[in-house]
Amino acid sequence: MTRRARDGRDEQPLRIVVQNGEHWMRNIGDLAMLSVTLRRLRSRWPGASLHVMTSVPALLRAYHPDVHPISDGRLPGFLAEPLSAAASRLGPSVAGFASLGSLRAREELRRVVERLRKRSVAPEGVPAEEAGPDDGGPDISTRPAVAAALRDASLVLAIGGGYMNDVDPWQFHRTLDLLQHGIDRGIPTAMVGQGFGPLTEPALVARAAEVLPAVHLIALREDRVGPSLLAGLGVRAERVLVTGDDAIELAHTVRRDALGAGLGVCLRVAGYSPVAVRSQEAVGRAVRAVAGEFAARLVPLVVSEQGSEDRRSTLPLVAAYPDVAPVQGRFVTPQEVARRVGRCRLVVTGAYHLAVFALSQGIPVVGLSSSRYYDEKLHGLDAMFGGHGLHVVRLDDPALEERVASAARTAWERAPEVRAPLRERASAQIQLGKVGFERVFSLVDEPSIR
């Protein structure tokens, strides 16, 4: 899509700068939100130039050949573009493993530089896999590729994610810095599919209060925490919408008519989701017992490939069971994972977006939490689905094995009756999401309403 200047000549196409929720593209939930966002943008503005922030340009282009990667490192644009364009013809598996090789080389270079500098740790708050000699700090908006994209931008859009909180200060800062640069240049700015909180760190709260009130639109994925948190930061109510998670649309689109027969399982163990070994073992015993009672196949599910965190935590849970589905590949599409979820009758998960994928298709969920961060994510999701199909179990519960087993048995038996209500709630949220994007589109198409 192009604008027409007053003299009748066509101006440059719309340039949309998209802040991706996870720059390494190793999280299926973030890939799902990106996929839905890009499809919606392309549907409205077919000729627009879409530019997406990423640490792995080749992998981005393998998933989305028609977008332009904005490298958040210091690789010059004239090198990043042809290299990533070539990767778009290879597919995610080839491009993904090539990106991993590049990542390992970068990590080794980082270690050498650290030794030379007598530094033993990455900068505070920086994920180890994202730290390196190119990463001088979270404000990447002054780097050549980013600055060039911002210079002629028609919209700066931060897509959904759970990074506006105390848990991920790196992504928190670089998103707000990018939005601030857009605001300072008079560019329309918006955030969609956002999960806010917990946000208590004084420096983060102060920074949020500086930037967020000037963002033209903030669409939230839940209504339990986000609206009141934003109000406390000074964001006007008319700039806030509750739409649900944008990944709902992707999962709902691949839903099956037939009720699934498998029991899907994923356990997330990470710094922001700590789980004791005894609790991991208890979850494993519970899911194996329930699957055995119903003669169900166990289906290991993976959302995050960062450090293979979901694989390392999940595969041991199913290893001792006689009927286990083959584990998915490392570089699959979110649609493939959503279809895999669709073959389940029940999902037991410590990964938020697997719960989204399941509920969106009418499949009940036992959600596992070990932190306030996950409490808020899962309870917020449950509220958006009307309390019909998500039972949250704390992983520090002294009776964890019995709690998980009991919740799983109940959910398995109730699966047929919750299917329709869950799908109806998914449809309603998809419509809310479309309304939210219409508001985003109007920021560009009708600037007078900002």
Protein backbone atom coordinates (compact mmCIF):
# COMPACT_ATOMS: atom_id res chain seq x y z
CA MET A 1 0.00 0.00 0.00
CA THR A 2 1.32 3.45 -0.92
CA ARG A 3 0.26 6.96 -0.08
CA ARG A 4 -0.31 9.57 -2.80
CA ALA A 5 1.45 12.89 -2.42
CA ARG A 6 -0.26 16.23 -3.13
CA ASP A 7 1.41 16.47 -6.54
CA GLY A 8 -0.19 13.15 -7.52
CA ARG A 9 2.96 11.01 -7.36
CA ASP A 10 3.08 7.84 -5.32
CA GLU A 11 5.02 8.10 -2.08
CA GLN A 12 6.97 5.24 -0.54
CA PRO A 13 4.98 2.18 0.61
CA LEU A 14 3.87 2.05 4.21
CA ARG A 15 6.74 0.86 6.40
CA ILE A 16 5.65 -1.02 9.51
CA VAL A 17 8.27 -1.68 12.20
CA VAL A 18 7.34 -4.71 14.31
CA GLN A 19 8.95 -5.39 17.66
CA ASN A 20 8.96 -9.16 17.92
CA GLY A 21 8.21 -10.68 21.31
CA GLU A 22 11.24 -13.01 21.21
CA HIS A 23 14.14 -12.11 18.95
CA TRP A 24 15.74 -15.58 18.71
CA MET A 25 12.50 -17.08 17.36
CA ARG A 26 12.83 -20.18 19.53
CA ASN A 27 9.42 -19.93 21.20
CA ILE A 28 6.37 -21.36 19.42
CA GLY A 29 3.96 -19.05 21.26
CA ASP A 30 5.81 -15.95 20.11
CA LEU A 31 6.00 -17.36 16.59
CA ALA A 32 2.24 -17.86 16.64
CA MET A 33 1.58 -14.26 17.68
CA LEU A 34 3.99 -13.01 15.04
CA SER A 35 2.29 -15.11 12.36
CA VAL A 36 -1.17 -13.78 13.20
CA THR A 37 0.09 -10.19 13.40
CA LEU A 38 1.84 -10.32 10.03
CA ARG A 39 -1.19 -11.92 8.37
CA ARG A 40 -3.47 -9.21 9.73
CA LEU A 41 -1.11 -6.44 8.64
CA ARG A 42 -0.70 -7.95 5.17
CA SER A 43 -4.46 -8.40 4.80
CA ARG A 44 -5.09 -4.71 5.49
CA TRP A 45 -2.04 -3.30 3.70
CA PRO A 46 -1.02 -5.78 0.94
CA GLY A 47 1.74 -3.54 -0.39
CA ALA A 48 3.17 -2.48 2.94
CA SER A 49 6.83 -3.08 3.75
CA LEU A 50 6.93 -5.14 6.97
CA HIS A 51 10.12 -4.93 9.04
CA VAL A 52 10.58 -7.24 12.03
CA MET A 53 13.15 -7.01 14.82
CA THR A 54 15.19 -10.20 15.17
CA SER A 55 18.50 -11.69 16.24
CA VAL A 56 18.30 -14.39 13.54
CA PRO A 57 17.42 -12.77 10.18
CA ALA A 58 17.82 -16.04 8.27
CA LEU A 59 15.37 -17.92 10.48
CA LEU A 60 12.86 -15.08 10.34
CA ARG A 61 12.92 -15.13 6.54
CA ALA A 62 12.61 -18.92 6.52
CA TYR A 63 9.35 -18.60 8.45
CA HIS A 64 8.17 -15.40 6.71
CA PRO A 65 9.83 -14.89 3.31
CA ASP A 66 7.95 -11.66 2.55
CA VAL A 67 9.20 -9.62 5.53
CA HIS A 68 12.37 -7.61 6.05
CA PRO A 69 14.48 -8.54 9.08
CA ILE A 70 15.86 -5.74 11.21
CA SER A 71 18.94 -7.19 12.84
CA ASP A 72 19.29 -6.16 16.48
CA GLY A 73 23.05 -6.79 16.25
CA ARG A 74 25.60 -4.86 14.24
CA LEU A 75 25.44 -6.87 11.01
CA PRO A 76 25.08 -4.23 8.25
CA GLY A 77 21.77 -4.23 6.41
CA PHE A 78 23.45 -4.73 3.04
CA LEU A 79 24.78 -8.07 4.37
CA ALA A 80 21.81 -9.15 6.51
CA GLU A 81 19.24 -8.76 3.72
CA PRO A 82 20.83 -10.98 1.02
CA LEU A 83 21.87 -13.62 3.54
CA SER A 84 18.40 -13.84 5.04
CA ALA A 85 16.77 -13.77 1.59
CA ALA A 86 18.79 -16.84 0.60
CA ALA A 87 17.66 -18.59 3.79
CA SER A 88 14.00 -18.01 2.93
CA ARG A 89 14.34 -20.66 0.22
CA LEU A 90 15.78 -23.27 2.59
CA GLY A 91 12.99 -23.55 5.15
CA PRO A 92 13.07 -23.29 8.96
CA SER A 93 14.93 -26.55 9.60
CA VAL A 94 17.97 -25.69 7.51
CA ALA A 95 17.95 -22.00 8.42
CA GLY A 96 17.37 -22.88 12.05
CA PHE A 97 20.36 -25.15 12.42
CA ALA A 98 22.50 -22.64 10.50
CA SER A 99 21.36 -19.97 12.96
CA LEU A 100 22.25 -22.24 15.87
CA GLY A 101 25.74 -22.63 14.44
CA SER A 102 26.06 -18.88 14.17
CA LEU A 103 24.78 -18.53 17.73
CA ARG A 104 27.36 -21.00 19.06
CA ALA A 105 30.13 -19.17 17.21
CA ARG A 106 28.92 -15.89 18.63
CA GLU A 107 28.81 -17.37 22.12
CA GLU A 108 32.38 -18.62 21.78
CA LEU A 109 33.49 -15.18 20.61
CA ARG A 110 31.70 -13.68 23.60
CA ARG A 111 33.60 -15.98 25.96
CA VAL A 112 36.90 -15.01 24.38
CA VAL A 113 36.08 -11.33 24.66
CA GLU A 114 34.98 -11.78 28.27
CA ARG A 115 38.23 -13.52 29.13
CA LEU A 116 40.18 -10.71 27.50
CA ARG A 117 38.15 -8.17 29.42
CA LYS A 118 38.32 -10.28 32.60
CA ARG A 119 34.55 -10.39 32.68
CA SER A 120 32.90 -13.55 33.88
CA VAL A 121 29.21 -12.84 33.41
CA ALA A 122 26.89 -11.32 30.86
CA PRO A 123 25.36 -7.89 31.57
CA GLU A 124 22.78 -8.03 34.33
CA GLY A 125 19.35 -9.00 33.07
CA VAL A 126 20.60 -10.24 29.68
CA PRO A 127 19.73 -13.84 28.74
CA ALA A 128 23.01 -15.70 28.17
CA GLU A 129 21.97 -16.79 24.70
CA GLU A 130 21.34 -13.16 23.72
CA ALA A 131 24.45 -11.65 25.25
CA GLY A 132 27.49 -11.13 23.09
CA PRO A 133 30.07 -8.63 21.93
CA ASP A 134 27.47 -6.98 19.68
CA ASP A 135 25.11 -6.33 22.60
CA GLY A 136 26.09 -3.03 24.12
CA GLY A 137 22.77 -2.62 25.88
CA PRO A 138 19.02 -3.02 25.36
CA ASP A 139 18.57 0.31 23.53
CA ILE A 140 19.12 -0.86 19.98
CA SER A 141 17.15 1.92 18.29
CA THR A 142 20.31 3.87 17.38
CA ARG A 143 21.93 0.97 15.53
CA PRO A 144 22.10 1.52 11.77
CA ALA A 145 19.54 -1.06 10.65
CA VAL A 146 17.05 -0.05 13.35
CA ALA A 147 17.54 3.67 12.85
CA ALA A 148 17.04 3.27 9.10
CA ALA A 149 13.77 1.39 9.61
CA LEU A 150 12.49 3.98 12.08
CA ARG A 151 13.42 6.90 9.84
CA ASP A 152 10.56 6.31 7.38
CA ALA A 153 8.24 4.24 9.59
CA SER A 154 4.47 4.62 9.34
CA LEU A 155 3.83 2.58 12.50
CA VAL A 156 5.82 1.06 15.36
CA LEU A 157 4.01 -2.02 16.64
CA ALA A 158 5.05 -4.14 19.66
CA ILE A 159 3.39 -7.52 19.32
CA GLY A 160 2.17 -9.76 22.09
CA GLY A 161 4.27 -11.34 24.78
CA GLY A 162 4.77 -11.67 28.51
CA TYR A 163 7.77 -9.37 28.73
CA MET A 164 6.28 -6.22 30.27
CA ASN A 165 7.18 -7.26 33.79
CA ASP A 166 9.98 -7.77 36.32
CA VAL A 167 10.97 -11.10 34.76
CA ASP A 168 12.37 -9.88 31.44
CA PRO A 169 13.98 -6.44 31.91
CA TRP A 170 16.03 -6.81 28.70
CA GLN A 171 13.01 -7.13 26.41
CA PHE A 172 11.07 -4.67 28.58
CA HIS A 173 13.66 -1.93 28.05
CA ARG A 174 14.34 -2.50 24.39
CA THR A 175 10.61 -2.47 23.62
CA LEU A 176 9.98 0.75 25.52
CA ASP A 177 13.09 2.35 24.00
CA LEU A 178 11.85 1.48 20.52
CA LEU A 179 8.39 2.86 21.26
CA GLN A 180 9.93 6.00 22.78
CA HIS A 181 11.92 6.65 19.62
CA GLY A 182 8.74 6.26 17.59
CA ILE A 183 6.85 8.65 19.85
CA ASP A 184 9.65 11.23 19.69
CA ARG A 185 9.49 11.14 15.88
CA GLY A 186 5.71 11.51 15.73
CA ILE A 187 5.19 7.94 14.49
CA PRO A 188 1.99 6.12 15.54
CA THR A 189 2.74 3.49 18.18
CA ALA A 190 0.75 0.51 19.45
CA MET A 191 1.11 -2.62 21.56
CA VAL A 192 -1.08 -5.68 20.94
CA GLY A 193 -1.71 -8.97 22.74
CA GLN A 194 0.20 -7.80 25.79
CA GLY A 195 0.45 -9.46 29.18
CA PHE A 196 1.47 -6.97 31.88
CA GLY A 197 2.85 -7.77 35.31
CA PRO A 198 3.98 -8.50 37.83
CA LEU A 199 5.69 -5.10 37.67
CA THR A 200 7.15 -3.96 40.97
CA GLU A 201 10.80 -3.07 40.32
CA PRO A 202 10.96 0.72 40.90
CA ALA A 203 13.20 1.48 37.90
CA LEU A 204 10.95 -0.52 35.57
CA VAL A 205 7.80 1.08 36.96
CA ALA A 206 9.30 4.53 36.47
CA ARG A 207 10.31 3.78 32.88
CA ALA A 208 6.87 2.37 32.08
CA ALA A 209 5.21 5.48 33.50
CA GLU A 210 7.42 7.64 31.24
CA VAL A 211 6.60 5.85 27.99
CA LEU A 212 3.30 3.99 28.14
CA PRO A 213 0.92 6.96 28.60
CA ALA A 214 2.10 8.27 25.20
CA VAL A 215 1.57 4.97 23.34
CA HIS A 216 -1.50 5.44 21.14
CA LEU A 217 -3.07 2.03 21.79
CA ILE A 218 -2.38 -0.87 24.17
CA ALA A 219 -4.33 -4.11 23.61
CA LEU A 220 -4.19 -6.61 26.47
CA ARG A 221 -4.61 -10.37 26.48
CA GLU A 222 -6.31 -10.44 29.91
CA ASP A 223 -8.49 -8.24 32.11
CA ARG A 224 -7.51 -9.30 35.65
CA VAL A 225 -4.23 -7.39 36.07
CA GLY A 226 -3.38 -5.33 32.99
CA PRO A 227 -6.08 -2.63 33.02
CA SER A 228 -5.54 -1.61 36.65
CA LEU A 229 -1.75 -1.78 36.28
CA LEU A 230 -1.86 0.54 33.25
CA ALA A 231 -4.24 2.92 35.00
CA GLY A 232 -1.76 3.18 37.86
CA LEU A 233 0.94 4.09 35.35
CA GLY A 234 -1.14 6.96 34.00
CA VAL A 235 -2.41 5.34 30.79
CA ARG A 236 -5.81 6.74 29.83
CA ALA A 237 -8.63 4.17 29.70
CA GLU A 238 -9.58 5.08 26.12
CA ARG A 239 -6.15 3.92 24.96
CA VAL A 240 -6.57 0.44 26.46
CA LEU A 241 -8.46 -2.55 25.04
CA VAL A 242 -8.80 -6.14 26.25
CA THR A 243 -8.68 -8.47 23.25
CA GLY A 244 -7.28 -11.82 24.34
CA ASP A 245 -4.11 -13.49 23.10
CA ASP A 246 -3.49 -13.09 19.37
CA ALA A 247 -2.31 -16.72 19.13
CA ILE A 248 -5.90 -17.84 19.79
CA GLU A 249 -6.79 -17.23 16.16
CA LEU A 250 -4.01 -19.45 14.84
CA ALA A 251 -4.91 -22.39 17.09
CA HIS A 252 -8.67 -22.00 16.58
CA THR A 253 -8.19 -22.11 12.81
CA VAL A 254 -6.63 -25.61 12.90
CA ARG A 255 -9.19 -27.14 15.31
CA ARG A 256 -10.54 -30.63 14.60
CA ASP A 257 -14.12 -31.85 14.71
CA ALA A 258 -13.22 -35.11 16.44
CA LEU A 259 -12.35 -35.23 20.12
CA GLY A 260 -8.67 -36.03 20.65
CA ALA A 261 -7.45 -39.17 22.37
CA GLY A 262 -4.00 -38.17 23.66
CA LEU A 263 -2.81 -36.60 26.89
CA GLY A 264 -0.47 -33.72 26.07
CA VAL A 265 2.21 -32.78 28.55
CA CYS A 266 4.83 -30.06 28.92
CA LEU A 267 6.76 -28.94 31.98
CA ARG A 268 8.63 -25.63 31.89
CA VAL A 269 11.64 -25.35 34.21
CA ALA A 270 13.44 -22.02 33.91
CA GLY A 271 14.77 -19.20 36.03
CA TYR A 272 11.35 -17.54 36.01
CA SER A 273 9.63 -20.91 36.51
CA PRO A 274 11.62 -22.85 39.13
CA VAL A 275 10.52 -26.43 39.79
CA ALA A 276 12.11 -28.74 42.36
CA VAL A 277 13.22 -32.18 41.19
CA ARG A 278 10.73 -33.90 43.48
CA SER A 279 7.94 -31.80 41.96
CA GLN A 280 9.03 -32.76 38.44
CA GLU A 281 8.94 -36.41 39.45
CA ALA A 282 5.51 -36.00 41.02
CA VAL A 283 4.07 -34.49 37.83
CA GLY A 284 5.54 -37.38 35.82
CA ARG A 285 3.99 -40.01 38.07
CA ALA A 286 0.62 -38.24 37.91
CA VAL A 287 0.40 -37.90 34.13
CA ARG A 288 1.61 -41.45 33.55
CA ALA A 289 -0.96 -42.79 36.02
CA VAL A 290 -3.87 -40.89 34.48
CA ALA A 291 -2.82 -41.76 30.93
CA GLY A 292 -2.66 -45.42 31.95
CA GLU A 293 -6.13 -45.31 33.50
CA PHE A 294 -7.65 -44.04 30.25
CA ALA A 295 -5.36 -46.04 27.91
CA ALA A 296 -4.20 -42.73 26.42
CA ARG A 297 -1.06 -41.98 24.46
CA LEU A 298 1.21 -39.42 26.10
CA VAL A 299 2.09 -36.57 23.75
CA PRO A 300 5.21 -34.56 24.69
CA LEU A 301 4.80 -30.92 23.66
CA VAL A 302 7.46 -28.25 23.32
CA VAL A 303 6.97 -24.48 23.17
CA SER A 304 10.32 -23.00 24.15
CA GLU A 305 13.54 -24.24 22.56
CA GLN A 306 15.69 -21.72 24.44
CA GLY A 307 18.39 -23.93 25.89
CA SER A 308 16.07 -26.89 25.11
CA GLU A 309 14.31 -25.96 28.36
CA ASP A 310 10.96 -27.61 27.57
CA ARG A 311 12.56 -30.75 26.12
CA ARG A 312 14.86 -31.30 29.08
CA SER A 313 11.98 -30.94 31.54
CA THR A 314 9.26 -32.77 29.60
CA LEU A 315 10.83 -35.84 27.99
CA PRO A 316 11.84 -37.46 31.32
CA LEU A 317 8.18 -37.31 32.41
CA VAL A 318 7.05 -39.61 29.58
CA ALA A 319 10.14 -41.82 29.22
CA ALA A 320 8.85 -44.65 31.42
CA TYR A 321 5.43 -44.85 29.71
CA PRO A 322 4.77 -47.55 27.09
CA ASP A 323 2.85 -45.43 24.56
CA VAL A 324 4.49 -42.08 23.75
CA ALA A 325 4.09 -40.00 20.59
CA PRO A 326 7.34 -39.07 18.81
CA VAL A 327 8.63 -35.70 19.95
CA GLN A 328 8.24 -32.81 17.51
CA GLY A 329 11.13 -31.34 15.54
CA ARG A 330 13.14 -28.38 16.78
CA PHE A 331 12.17 -25.98 13.98
CA VAL A 332 8.48 -26.54 13.36
CA THR A 333 5.74 -24.02 12.68
CA PRO A 334 3.24 -22.96 15.34
CA GLN A 335 0.51 -24.47 13.17
CA GLU A 336 2.20 -27.88 13.46
CA VAL A 337 2.32 -27.63 17.24
CA ALA A 338 -1.29 -26.44 17.41
CA ARG A 339 -2.38 -29.45 15.33
CA ARG A 340 -0.40 -31.73 17.63
CA VAL A 341 -2.28 -30.21 20.59
CA GLY A 342 -5.54 -30.75 18.69
CA ARG A 343 -5.00 -34.51 18.79
CA CYS A 344 -5.16 -34.39 22.60
CA ARG A 345 -8.22 -34.70 24.81
CA LEU A 346 -6.40 -32.99 27.69
CA VAL A 347 -3.20 -30.95 28.08
CA VAL A 348 -1.15 -30.74 31.30
CA THR A 349 1.25 -27.85 30.87
CA GLY A 350 3.61 -25.45 32.55
CA ALA A 351 3.94 -23.49 29.29
CA TYR A 352 1.36 -20.72 28.89
CA HIS A 353 0.93 -20.86 25.12
CA LEU A 354 0.18 -24.58 25.09
CA ALA A 355 -2.75 -23.69 27.33
CA VAL A 356 -3.76 -21.05 24.77
CA PHE A 357 -3.50 -23.57 21.92
CA ALA A 358 -5.57 -26.12 23.80
CA LEU A 359 -8.35 -23.87 25.12
CA SER A 360 -8.72 -22.22 21.72
CA GLN A 361 -9.59 -25.63 20.24
CA GLY A 362 -11.95 -26.59 23.08
CA ILE A 363 -9.48 -28.78 24.98
CA PRO A 364 -9.30 -28.56 28.79
CA VAL A 365 -6.03 -27.77 30.54
CA VAL A 366 -4.31 -28.46 33.83
CA GLY A 367 -1.96 -25.49 34.20
CA LEU A 368 1.19 -25.82 36.32
CA SER A 369 2.62 -22.77 38.10
CA SER A 370 5.51 -22.15 40.47
CA SER A 371 5.59 -18.34 40.50
CA ARG A 372 3.47 -15.23 40.72
CA TYR A 373 4.38 -14.59 37.08
CA TYR A 374 2.74 -17.84 35.96
CA ASP A 375 -0.12 -17.50 38.45
CA GLU A 376 -1.13 -14.24 36.80
CA LYS A 377 -0.68 -15.60 33.27
CA LEU A 378 -2.74 -18.72 33.84
CA HIS A 379 -5.48 -17.19 35.98
CA GLY A 380 -5.80 -14.33 33.49
CA LEU A 381 -6.18 -16.85 30.66
CA ASP A 382 -8.74 -18.84 32.65
CA ALA A 383 -10.83 -15.69 33.16
CA MET A 384 -10.75 -14.89 29.44
CA PHE A 385 -12.11 -18.38 28.74
CA GLY A 386 -14.89 -17.99 31.27
CA GLY A 387 -13.49 -20.39 33.87
CA HIS A 388 -14.66 -23.34 31.77
CA GLY A 389 -11.59 -25.47 31.15
CA LEU A 390 -8.40 -24.44 32.97
CA HIS A 391 -7.47 -25.75 36.41
CA VAL A 392 -4.32 -24.21 37.92
CA VAL A 393 -2.16 -26.33 40.23
CA ARG A 394 0.78 -24.90 42.16
CA LEU A 395 3.96 -26.91 41.74
CA ASP A 396 4.92 -26.29 45.36
CA ASP A 397 1.72 -27.92 46.65
CA PRO A 398 2.65 -30.60 49.25
CA ALA A 399 0.06 -32.91 47.68
CA LEU A 400 1.18 -32.13 44.12
CA GLU A 401 0.91 -35.62 42.65
CA GLU A 402 -2.64 -36.09 43.94
CA ARG A 403 -3.66 -32.56 42.85
CA VAL A 404 -2.41 -33.03 39.30
CA ALA A 405 -3.91 -36.51 38.98
CA SER A 406 -7.29 -35.44 40.35
CA ALA A 407 -7.47 -32.35 38.14
CA ALA A 408 -6.42 -34.38 35.10
CA ARG A 409 -9.04 -37.09 35.70
CA THR A 410 -11.79 -34.52 36.09
CA ALA A 411 -10.71 -32.61 33.01
CA TRP A 412 -10.50 -35.79 30.93
CA GLU A 413 -14.03 -36.78 31.86
CA ARG A 414 -15.42 -33.26 31.30
CA ALA A 415 -13.70 -32.75 27.96
CA PRO A 416 -16.81 -33.28 25.80
CA GLU A 417 -18.96 -30.82 27.79
CA VAL A 418 -16.44 -27.96 27.90
CA ARG A 419 -15.55 -28.19 24.21
CA ALA A 420 -18.29 -25.92 22.86
CA PRO A 421 -18.08 -23.22 25.57
CA LEU A 422 -14.31 -22.95 25.17
CA ARG A 423 -14.57 -22.63 21.40
CA GLU A 424 -17.22 -19.93 21.78
CA ARG A 425 -14.93 -17.95 24.07
CA ALA A 426 -12.13 -18.37 21.56
CA SER A 427 -14.32 -17.02 18.75
CA ALA A 428 -15.33 -14.03 20.86
CA GLN A 429 -11.69 -13.17 21.61
CA ILE A 430 -10.73 -13.49 17.95
CA GLN A 431 -13.35 -10.87 17.14
CA LEU A 432 -12.04 -8.63 19.91
CA GLY A 433 -8.57 -9.03 18.46
CA LYS A 434 -9.79 -7.95 15.05
CA VAL A 435 -11.44 -4.89 16.61
CA GLY A 436 -8.14 -4.06 18.28
CA PHE A 437 -6.29 -4.26 14.98
CA GLU A 438 -8.88 -2.02 13.35
CA ARG A 439 -7.91 0.55 15.98
CA VAL A 440 -4.26 0.00 15.05
CA PHE A 441 -5.01 0.45 11.35
CA SER A 442 -6.88 3.68 12.03
CA LEU A 443 -3.79 5.18 13.67
CA VAL A 444 -2.20 5.16 10.21
CA ASP A 445 -5.21 5.51 7.94
CA GLU A 446 -6.94 8.20 10.00
CA PRO A 447 -4.22 10.14 11.85
CA SER A 448 -6.67 12.80 12.99
CA ILE A 449 -8.17 10.40 15.55
CA ARG A 450 -4.93 9.83 17.48
